[in-house]
Protein backbone atom coordinates (compact mmCIF):
# COMPACT_ATOMS: atom_id res chain seq x y z
CA MET A 1 74.73 137.16 58.94
CA MET A 2 76.90 135.19 60.96
CA ARG A 3 75.45 131.81 60.60
CA GLY A 4 77.61 128.71 61.67
CA LYS A 5 80.34 131.01 62.62
CA THR A 6 81.75 131.12 66.87
CA VAL A 7 82.47 133.93 68.69
CA ILE A 8 83.81 134.30 72.08
CA VAL A 9 83.04 137.71 74.13
CA THR A 10 84.77 138.01 77.30
CA GLY A 11 82.81 139.92 79.92
CA ALA A 12 79.73 139.36 78.26
CA ASN A 13 77.20 139.09 81.28
CA SER A 14 76.66 142.86 81.24
CA GLY A 15 76.79 146.71 79.40
CA ILE A 16 78.83 146.28 76.15
CA GLY A 17 79.37 142.72 75.88
CA LYS A 18 75.61 141.35 76.75
CA ALA A 19 74.82 144.10 74.10
CA THR A 20 77.22 142.59 71.45
CA VAL A 21 75.93 138.95 72.62
CA ALA A 22 72.84 139.48 71.62
CA ALA A 23 73.82 141.61 68.37
CA ILE A 24 76.05 138.60 66.99
CA VAL A 25 73.00 135.83 67.62
CA LYS A 26 70.32 138.01 65.88
CA LEU A 27 72.85 137.81 63.32
CA GLN A 28 72.57 133.65 63.71
CA GLY A 29 75.98 133.60 65.49
CA ARG A 30 77.11 130.86 68.05
CA VAL A 31 78.15 132.88 70.93
CA ILE A 32 80.88 131.69 74.23
CA MET A 33 80.09 134.07 77.02
CA ALA A 34 83.20 134.05 78.74
CA CYS A 35 82.36 135.62 82.31
CA ARG A 36 83.72 135.28 85.97
CA ASP A 37 79.96 135.19 87.20
CA GLN A 38 78.71 131.68 86.27
CA ALA A 39 75.38 132.67 87.87
CA ARG A 40 75.04 136.59 86.67
CA ALA A 41 75.99 135.07 82.76
CA GLU A 42 73.48 132.13 83.04
CA GLU A 43 70.45 134.80 83.72
CA ALA A 44 72.19 137.08 81.47
CA ALA A 45 72.04 134.47 78.62
CA LEU A 46 68.55 133.89 79.15
CA ASP A 47 67.89 137.37 78.90
CA THR A 48 69.43 137.25 75.47
CA LEU A 49 67.33 134.00 74.06
CA GLN A 50 64.40 135.66 75.34
CA GLU A 51 65.10 138.88 73.69
CA THR A 52 66.05 137.32 70.71
CA GLY A 53 63.81 134.40 69.92
CA ALA A 54 67.19 132.87 68.96
CA ASP A 55 68.03 129.04 69.61
CA SER A 56 69.31 128.03 72.78
CA ARG A 57 72.46 126.21 71.27
CA LEU A 58 73.29 129.83 70.30
CA VAL A 59 74.52 130.78 73.61
CA VAL A 60 76.91 128.93 75.86
CA VAL A 61 78.14 129.92 79.28
CA LYS A 62 81.60 129.29 80.26
CA GLN A 63 83.38 130.70 83.38
CA LEU A 64 86.11 132.57 82.99
CA ASP A 65 87.93 134.67 85.14
CA LEU A 66 90.80 136.90 83.78
CA ALA A 67 92.34 138.06 86.95
CA SER A 68 93.50 134.41 87.33
CA LEU A 69 96.08 133.01 84.91
CA GLU A 70 95.48 129.70 86.11
CA SER A 71 91.63 130.12 85.01
CA VAL A 72 92.18 131.53 81.38
CA ARG A 73 94.52 128.60 81.40
CA SER A 74 91.44 125.94 82.06
CA PHE A 75 89.25 127.97 79.96
CA CYS A 76 91.73 127.74 76.78
CA GLU A 77 92.15 124.22 77.56
CA ASP A 78 88.20 123.36 77.74
CA ILE A 79 87.86 125.77 74.46
CA ILE A 80 90.57 123.87 72.57
CA LYS A 81 89.07 120.35 73.51
CA GLU A 82 85.27 121.16 72.56
CA GLU A 83 85.39 123.51 70.19
CA PRO A 84 86.67 122.28 66.26
CA ARG A 85 86.53 126.50 64.98
CA LEU A 86 86.88 130.06 66.66
CA ASP A 87 85.96 132.83 63.87
CA VAL A 88 86.19 135.53 66.25
CA LEU A 89 87.71 136.36 69.68
CA ILE A 90 86.24 139.88 71.13
CA ASN A 91 88.43 141.21 74.12
CA ASN A 92 85.38 143.14 75.78
CA ALA A 93 85.87 142.46 79.50
CA GLY A 94 87.30 145.31 81.98
CA VAL A 95 88.02 146.94 85.22
CA TYR A 96 87.31 150.34 85.47
CA GLN A 97 88.82 152.22 88.04
CA CYS A 98 88.68 150.14 91.21
CA PRO A 99 90.60 150.69 94.01
CA TYR A 100 94.56 149.02 94.50
CA THR A 101 94.09 145.32 94.86
CA LYS A 102 95.85 142.42 92.97
CA THR A 103 95.14 139.76 91.01
CA GLU A 104 95.73 136.04 92.06
CA ASP A 105 98.91 136.05 90.57
CA GLY A 106 99.98 139.18 92.21
CA PHE A 107 99.84 142.18 89.15
CA GLU A 108 97.77 145.31 89.81
CA MET A 109 94.29 144.40 89.03
CA GLN A 110 93.28 146.71 86.08
CA PHE A 111 96.61 146.05 84.26
CA GLY A 112 96.08 142.13 85.08
CA VAL A 113 92.97 141.52 83.95
CA ASN A 114 92.45 144.12 81.38
CA HIS A 115 95.94 143.70 79.45
CA LEU A 116 97.77 140.78 80.74
CA GLY A 117 94.41 138.27 80.91
CA HIS A 118 93.56 139.17 77.54
CA PHE A 119 97.26 138.75 76.52
CA LEU A 120 97.36 135.41 77.69
CA LEU A 121 93.96 133.99 76.56
CA THR A 122 94.37 135.60 73.05
CA HIS A 123 97.86 134.16 73.17
CA LEU A 124 96.46 130.28 73.89
CA LEU A 125 93.63 130.64 71.55
CA LEU A 126 95.90 131.92 68.26
CA ASP A 127 96.29 128.11 67.23
CA LEU A 128 92.57 128.01 67.47
CA LEU A 129 92.19 130.96 65.28
CA LYS A 130 94.61 130.33 63.11
CA ARG A 131 92.94 126.86 61.90
CA SER A 132 90.13 128.79 61.61
CA ALA A 133 91.06 131.29 59.08
CA PRO A 134 89.81 134.05 57.84
CA SER A 135 89.15 134.73 61.54
CA ARG A 136 89.15 137.61 63.85
CA VAL A 137 90.76 139.41 67.25
CA VAL A 138 88.53 142.44 68.33
CA VAL A 139 89.81 144.31 70.97
CA VAL A 140 87.92 146.95 73.01
CA SER A 141 90.21 149.86 74.32
CA SER A 142 88.71 153.39 75.28
CA LYS A 143 89.78 156.74 74.63
CA LEU A 144 91.09 157.16 77.85
CA TYR A 145 94.70 155.83 76.68
CA LYS A 146 95.60 158.95 76.04
CA HIS A 147 95.83 159.77 79.49
CA GLY A 148 98.18 156.76 79.88
CA ASP A 149 101.77 155.83 79.91
CA ILE A 150 103.61 152.53 79.70
CA ASN A 151 106.02 153.00 82.47
CA PHE A 152 108.18 150.04 82.64
CA ASP A 153 110.21 150.65 85.65
CA ASP A 154 106.67 150.08 87.57
CA LEU A 155 104.47 148.43 85.10
CA ASN A 156 102.98 146.57 88.57
CA SER A 157 102.11 150.47 89.84
CA GLU A 158 103.79 149.44 93.48
CA LYS A 159 105.52 152.64 93.88
CA PHE A 160 102.58 154.92 92.70
CA TYR A 161 98.90 154.32 91.87
CA ASP A 162 96.59 156.26 90.77
CA LYS A 163 93.15 154.33 89.51
CA ALA A 164 92.52 156.66 86.71
CA PHE A 165 95.84 156.71 85.60
CA ALA A 166 96.21 152.72 85.69
CA TYR A 167 92.65 152.64 83.95
CA SER A 168 94.47 154.61 80.72
CA ARG A 169 97.62 152.68 81.14
CA SER A 170 95.68 149.24 80.78
CA LYS A 171 93.73 150.80 78.04
CA LEU A 172 97.22 151.82 75.93
CA ALA A 173 98.36 148.51 76.38
CA ASN A 174 95.11 147.17 75.03
CA LEU A 175 96.11 149.41 71.84
CA LEU A 176 100.11 148.53 71.73
CA PHE A 177 99.16 144.67 72.35
CA ALA A 178 97.08 145.18 69.08
CA CYS A 179 99.24 146.66 66.82
CA GLU A 180 102.07 144.26 67.50
CA LEU A 181 100.01 141.13 67.22
CA ALA A 182 98.37 142.63 63.89
CA ARG A 183 102.30 142.78 62.85
CA ARG A 184 102.69 139.02 63.63
CA LEU A 185 99.44 137.54 62.49
CA GLU A 186 100.32 139.55 58.87
CA GLY A 187 99.46 137.25 55.89
CA SER A 188 97.93 134.41 58.50
CA GLY A 189 94.26 135.14 58.15
CA VAL A 190 94.13 136.19 61.53
CA THR A 191 92.99 139.84 61.46
CA VAL A 192 93.41 142.00 64.32
CA ASN A 193 91.49 145.77 64.97
CA ALA A 194 90.72 147.63 68.08
CA LEU A 195 87.85 150.11 69.06
CA THR A 196 87.11 152.61 71.46
CA PRO A 197 83.50 152.43 72.04
CA GLY A 198 83.01 155.84 73.65
CA ILE A 199 80.84 156.87 76.84
CA VAL A 200 78.76 154.13 77.44
CA ARG A 201 75.64 153.56 80.47
CA THR A 202 77.34 150.74 82.44
CA ASN A 203 77.99 149.33 85.40
CA LEU A 204 81.80 149.65 84.47
CA GLY A 205 82.09 153.12 86.39
CA ARG A 206 80.58 151.03 90.07
CA HIS A 207 84.27 151.85 91.97
CA VAL A 208 83.78 155.80 91.01
CA HIS A 209 82.41 157.86 93.63
CA ILE A 210 79.41 160.39 93.06
CA PRO A 211 77.91 162.58 95.99
CA VAL A 212 74.67 161.51 96.82
CA LEU A 213 73.08 164.85 96.15
CA ALA A 214 74.56 164.77 92.91
CA LYS A 215 73.67 161.10 91.54
CA PRO A 216 70.22 162.34 90.45
CA LEU A 217 71.75 164.83 87.91
CA PHE A 218 74.57 162.29 86.87
CA ASN A 219 71.69 159.80 86.11
CA LEU A 220 69.96 162.38 84.14
CA LEU A 221 72.64 164.10 82.49
CA SER A 222 74.04 159.94 81.41
CA TRP A 223 70.42 159.31 79.90
CA GLY A 224 70.98 162.50 77.57
CA LEU A 225 74.70 162.52 76.94
CA PHE A 226 76.09 159.05 77.25
CA LYS A 227 75.57 155.83 74.97
CA SER A 228 73.55 152.89 75.37
CA PRO A 229 74.95 149.99 75.73
CA GLU A 230 73.71 148.77 72.31
CA GLU A 231 75.35 151.96 70.66
CA GLY A 232 78.14 150.81 72.83
CA ALA A 233 78.07 147.79 71.04
CA GLN A 234 78.17 148.44 67.51
CA THR A 235 81.59 148.82 66.45
CA SER A 236 82.52 145.63 68.26
CA VAL A 237 80.01 143.61 66.34
CA TYR A 238 80.78 145.77 62.87
CA LEU A 239 84.24 144.71 63.43
CA ALA A 240 83.34 140.55 64.27
CA SER A 241 81.03 140.97 61.54
CA SER A 242 81.22 142.96 58.61
CA PRO A 243 82.87 142.30 55.39
CA ASP A 244 83.64 146.08 55.42
CA VAL A 245 86.69 144.64 57.19
CA ASP A 246 87.65 141.42 55.39
CA GLY A 247 91.47 141.87 55.47
CA VAL A 248 91.44 144.94 57.50
CA GLN A 249 94.10 144.84 59.89
CA GLY A 250 95.94 146.76 62.83
CA LYS A 251 93.40 149.56 62.84
CA CYS A 252 91.40 151.11 65.60
CA PHE A 253 87.82 152.07 64.81
CA ALA A 254 84.97 154.18 67.08
CA ASP A 255 81.80 154.92 65.68
CA CYS A 256 82.36 152.09 62.85
CA LYS A 257 85.20 154.49 61.06
CA PRO A 258 89.10 154.33 61.37
CA LEU A 259 90.20 156.14 63.93
CA ASP A 260 93.77 157.88 64.12
CA LEU A 261 95.63 157.23 67.06
CA LEU A 262 98.24 158.85 69.42
CA PRO A 263 102.25 157.90 68.13
CA LYS A 264 102.71 156.39 71.35
CA ALA A 265 99.35 154.23 71.04
CA THR A 266 100.98 152.78 67.47
CA ASP A 267 104.84 153.19 68.32
CA GLN A 268 106.78 149.67 67.68
CA GLU A 269 109.60 149.44 69.76
CA VAL A 270 107.24 150.28 73.18
CA ALA A 271 104.65 147.85 71.77
CA SER A 272 107.65 144.97 70.93
CA LYS A 273 109.13 145.45 74.27
CA LEU A 274 105.38 145.15 75.97
CA TRP A 275 104.59 142.47 74.76
CA ASP A 276 108.17 140.85 75.72
CA ILE A 277 107.73 141.49 78.95
CA SER A 278 104.06 140.61 78.93
CA GLU A 279 105.15 137.21 78.20
CA VAL A 280 107.28 136.80 81.04
CA MET A 281 104.54 137.85 83.17
CA VAL A 282 102.26 135.81 82.13
CA GLY A 283 104.79 132.43 82.16
CA ILE A 284 104.56 132.05 78.41
CA THR A 285 108.03 130.21 77.32
CA THR A 286 108.71 130.42 73.24
């Protein structure tokens, strides 16, 4: 049970995020839904309350646009001011294979939202997480990290952009971030673990082109082969709530079991360099 615990879930108004919220509320945890679209988030919150029959005080909606560093800072200022504790931060939101666009701050959208936005969000909430220890950070990555690499000469994809490769790079960055954050937080009472949810039926693939004639077959196959959002959320909920992972630090999980990662996802030198560059990109001065 998660009674008395406060959890932030980014990208909580649909897909895995929404299913994660419902599961945590069923465990009697209180969830702050951090979403870009306030109206859709409030609709999702209402759905969750109706589905679970939970007390309305267990679901809070707050606006957060991870494509805007100003929005991230504003969100964190409000949380620090209003919340006495934060037990779990679930970095779930993601942009998937979108056409080349830039965030408000000039970053390639997938790297900017999936990595940099969450990097700053976590940094700004770390003191609150430490004060609330034992607490947890959960990072949602993807098995597609395998197809990415970190090109420090073109992190913003200005020399070359492939939407699938850019997504994979952002998911590799998530794993490297989790690895380095876990190392830095060793002994602090804050644990950091990542997960790959598998292929899930969500609207994340809205930018992926499927020919009209193939859509009925694709939809049929997806129902047979892809996980439901509820199944996709299981590992997020496990890492947020299970006593089995008390004190577990710097691991990646799939289907609620530890997952062996490729060496490039745990490369300490690359993780440290990416951390330093990310600090500069989001304007953290230490």
